[in-house]
Amino acid sequence: MIRAKNLSTRFWGEVVKTIAYLTNKSSTRAMWNITPEEAWIGIKPTMNHLRIFECTTHMHVPKEKRQKLDDESSKCFFWGYSEVSKAYRVYELKTC
């Protein structure tokens, strides 16, 4: 994924987390017609929230953190999935 998207190697940790997340939601040969997450939790995982790695997204900027004529959103890249909540991990372009 790093080479395919021409990313810096400093992002390898985010790539590994995303690959592990997707692997746990995908079926494998070791378990017939069942995903690792389904085997562990007992519930079939949903796939409708999956996104393309490093696609362009926009993150909402609260009123408290912007001025009158500032944009209401900030351009970001999708990096992966949160480990603690039902949210996405993004990388803001302003920090590049």
C-alpha atoms as a PDB file:
ATOM      1  CA  MET A   1       0.000   0.000   0.000  1.00  0.00           C
ATOM      2  CA  ILE A   2       2.869   2.364   0.746  1.00  0.00           C
ATOM      3  CA  ARG A   3       4.450   1.851  -2.674  1.00  0.00           C
ATOM      4  CA  ALA A   4       1.126   1.871  -4.524  1.00  0.00           C
ATOM      5  CA  LYS A   5       0.221   5.294  -3.071  1.00  0.00           C
ATOM      6  CA  ASN A   6       3.808   6.684  -3.114  1.00  0.00           C
ATOM      7  CA  LEU A   7       3.702   7.374   0.633  1.00  0.00           C
ATOM      8  CA  SER A   8       6.521   8.205   2.967  1.00  0.00           C
ATOM      9  CA  THR A   9       7.675   5.256   5.084  1.00  0.00           C
ATOM     10  CA  ARG A  10       6.787   7.224   8.228  1.00  0.00           C
ATOM     11  CA  PHE A  11       3.173   6.109   7.678  1.00  0.00           C
ATOM     12  CA  TRP A  12       3.902   2.368   7.809  1.00  0.00           C
ATOM     13  CA  GLY A  13       2.207   2.059  11.221  1.00  0.00           C
ATOM     14  CA  GLU A  14      -1.083   3.411   9.897  1.00  0.00           C
ATOM     15  CA  VAL A  15      -0.889   1.049   6.928  1.00  0.00           C
ATOM     16  CA  VAL A  16      -0.308  -1.958   9.207  1.00  0.00           C
ATOM     17  CA  LYS A  17      -3.289  -1.013  11.424  1.00  0.00           C
ATOM     18  CA  THR A  18      -5.549  -0.668   8.372  1.00  0.00           C
ATOM     19  CA  ILE A  19      -4.390  -4.003   6.911  1.00  0.00           C
ATOM     20  CA  ALA A  20      -5.032  -5.761  10.244  1.00  0.00           C
ATOM     21  CA  TYR A  21      -8.514  -4.227  10.456  1.00  0.00           C
ATOM     22  CA  LEU A  22      -9.391  -5.342   6.924  1.00  0.00           C
ATOM     23  CA  THR A  23      -7.885  -8.815   7.409  1.00  0.00           C
ATOM     24  CA  ASN A  24     -10.066  -9.413  10.469  1.00  0.00           C
ATOM     25  CA  LYS A  25     -13.156  -8.517   8.443  1.00  0.00           C
ATOM     26  CA  SER A  26     -12.256 -10.733   5.455  1.00  0.00           C
ATOM     27  CA  SER A  27     -12.831 -14.461   5.101  1.00  0.00           C
ATOM     28  CA  THR A  28      -9.791 -16.739   5.071  1.00  0.00           C
ATOM     29  CA  ARG A  29      -8.988 -20.271   3.934  1.00  0.00           C
ATOM     30  CA  ALA A  30      -8.197 -21.283   7.505  1.00  0.00           C
ATOM     31  CA  MET A  31     -11.816 -20.730   8.547  1.00  0.00           C
ATOM     32  CA  TRP A  32     -14.413 -22.034   6.121  1.00  0.00           C
ATOM     33  CA  ASN A  33     -16.931 -19.307   5.138  1.00  0.00           C
ATOM     34  CA  ILE A  34     -16.358 -17.272   8.303  1.00  0.00           C
ATOM     35  CA  THR A  35     -14.278 -14.189   9.127  1.00  0.00           C
ATOM     36  CA  PRO A  36     -11.848 -13.989  12.069  1.00  0.00           C
ATOM     37  CA  GLU A  37     -14.002 -11.265  13.659  1.00  0.00           C
ATOM     38  CA  GLU A  38     -17.116 -13.408  13.302  1.00  0.00           C
ATOM     39  CA  ALA A  39     -15.321 -16.363  14.905  1.00  0.00           C
ATOM     40  CA  TRP A  40     -14.180 -14.201  17.840  1.00  0.00           C
ATOM     41  CA  ILE A  41     -17.355 -12.167  18.487  1.00  0.00           C
ATOM     42  CA  GLY A  42     -20.032 -14.366  16.961  1.00  0.00           C
ATOM     43  CA  ILE A  43     -21.571 -11.625  14.796  1.00  0.00           C
ATOM     44  CA  LYS A  44     -21.001 -11.252  11.054  1.00  0.00           C
ATOM     45  CA  PRO A  45     -19.195  -7.902  10.443  1.00  0.00           C
ATOM     46  CA  THR A  46     -20.723  -5.231   8.211  1.00  0.00           C
ATOM     47  CA  MET A  47     -18.718  -3.962   5.272  1.00  0.00           C
ATOM     48  CA  ASN A  48     -20.725  -0.882   4.243  1.00  0.00           C
ATOM     49  CA  HIS A  49     -18.454   1.523   6.152  1.00  0.00           C
ATOM     50  CA  LEU A  50     -15.231   0.547   4.343  1.00  0.00           C
ATOM     51  CA  ARG A  51     -13.415   3.251   2.370  1.00  0.00           C
ATOM     52  CA  ILE A  52     -10.503   3.380  -0.081  1.00  0.00           C
ATOM     53  CA  PHE A  53      -7.164   3.942   1.654  1.00  0.00           C
ATOM     54  CA  GLU A  54      -5.829   7.500   1.247  1.00  0.00           C
ATOM     55  CA  CYS A  55      -8.943   8.820  -0.523  1.00  0.00           C
ATOM     56  CA  THR A  56      -9.642  12.540  -0.175  1.00  0.00           C
ATOM     57  CA  THR A  57     -12.081  13.437   2.598  1.00  0.00           C
ATOM     58  CA  HIS A  58     -13.255  16.569   4.343  1.00  0.00           C
ATOM     59  CA  MET A  59     -13.317  17.013   8.103  1.00  0.00           C
ATOM     60  CA  HIS A  60     -15.748  19.460   9.730  1.00  0.00           C
ATOM     61  CA  VAL A  61     -14.112  22.357  11.609  1.00  0.00           C
ATOM     62  CA  PRO A  62     -16.182  23.529  14.616  1.00  0.00           C
ATOM     63  CA  LYS A  63     -17.243  27.192  14.845  1.00  0.00           C
ATOM     64  CA  GLU A  64     -14.961  27.706  17.842  1.00  0.00           C
ATOM     65  CA  LYS A  65     -11.875  26.868  15.769  1.00  0.00           C
ATOM     66  CA  ARG A  66     -12.562  29.043  12.720  1.00  0.00           C
ATOM     67  CA  GLN A  67     -13.220  32.651  11.926  1.00  0.00           C
ATOM     68  CA  LYS A  68     -16.068  34.161   9.941  1.00  0.00           C
ATOM     69  CA  LEU A  69     -14.665  33.676   6.429  1.00  0.00           C
ATOM     70  CA  ASP A  70     -12.754  30.420   7.045  1.00  0.00           C
ATOM     71  CA  ASP A  71     -13.834  27.166   5.413  1.00  0.00           C
ATOM     72  CA  GLU A  72     -16.241  24.938   7.345  1.00  0.00           C
ATOM     73  CA  SER A  73     -14.205  21.860   6.451  1.00  0.00           C
ATOM     74  CA  SER A  74     -10.572  20.915   6.099  1.00  0.00           C
ATOM     75  CA  LYS A  75      -9.184  18.688   3.327  1.00  0.00           C
ATOM     76  CA  CYS A  76      -7.795  15.387   4.645  1.00  0.00           C
ATOM     77  CA  PHE A  77      -6.744  11.910   3.563  1.00  0.00           C
ATOM     78  CA  PHE A  78      -8.410   8.757   4.880  1.00  0.00           C
ATOM     79  CA  TRP A  79      -5.876   6.699   6.878  1.00  0.00           C
ATOM     80  CA  GLY A  80      -7.865   3.968   8.534  1.00  0.00           C
ATOM     81  CA  TYR A  81     -10.379   3.046  11.177  1.00  0.00           C
ATOM     82  CA  SER A  82     -10.494   4.024  14.845  1.00  0.00           C
ATOM     83  CA  GLU A  83      -9.668   1.322  17.366  1.00  0.00           C
ATOM     84  CA  VAL A  84     -11.871   2.721  20.138  1.00  0.00           C
ATOM     85  CA  SER A  85     -14.976   4.067  18.401  1.00  0.00           C
ATOM     86  CA  LYS A  86     -16.978   3.903  15.191  1.00  0.00           C
ATOM     87  CA  ALA A  87     -14.936   6.589  13.447  1.00  0.00           C
ATOM     88  CA  TYR A  88     -12.363   7.085  10.705  1.00  0.00           C
ATOM     89  CA  ARG A  89      -8.744   8.124  11.101  1.00  0.00           C
ATOM     90  CA  VAL A  90      -7.761  10.987   8.795  1.00  0.00           C
ATOM     91  CA  TYR A  91      -4.588  12.945   8.088  1.00  0.00           C
ATOM     92  CA  GLU A  92      -5.068  16.684   7.682  1.00  0.00           C
ATOM     93  CA  LEU A  93      -3.233  18.205   4.726  1.00  0.00           C
ATOM     94  CA  LYS A  94      -2.420  21.423   6.609  1.00  0.00           C
ATOM     95  CA  THR A  95      -0.051  19.424   8.812  1.00  0.00           C
ATOM     96  CA  CYS A  96       1.989  18.177   5.810  1.00  0.00           C
END
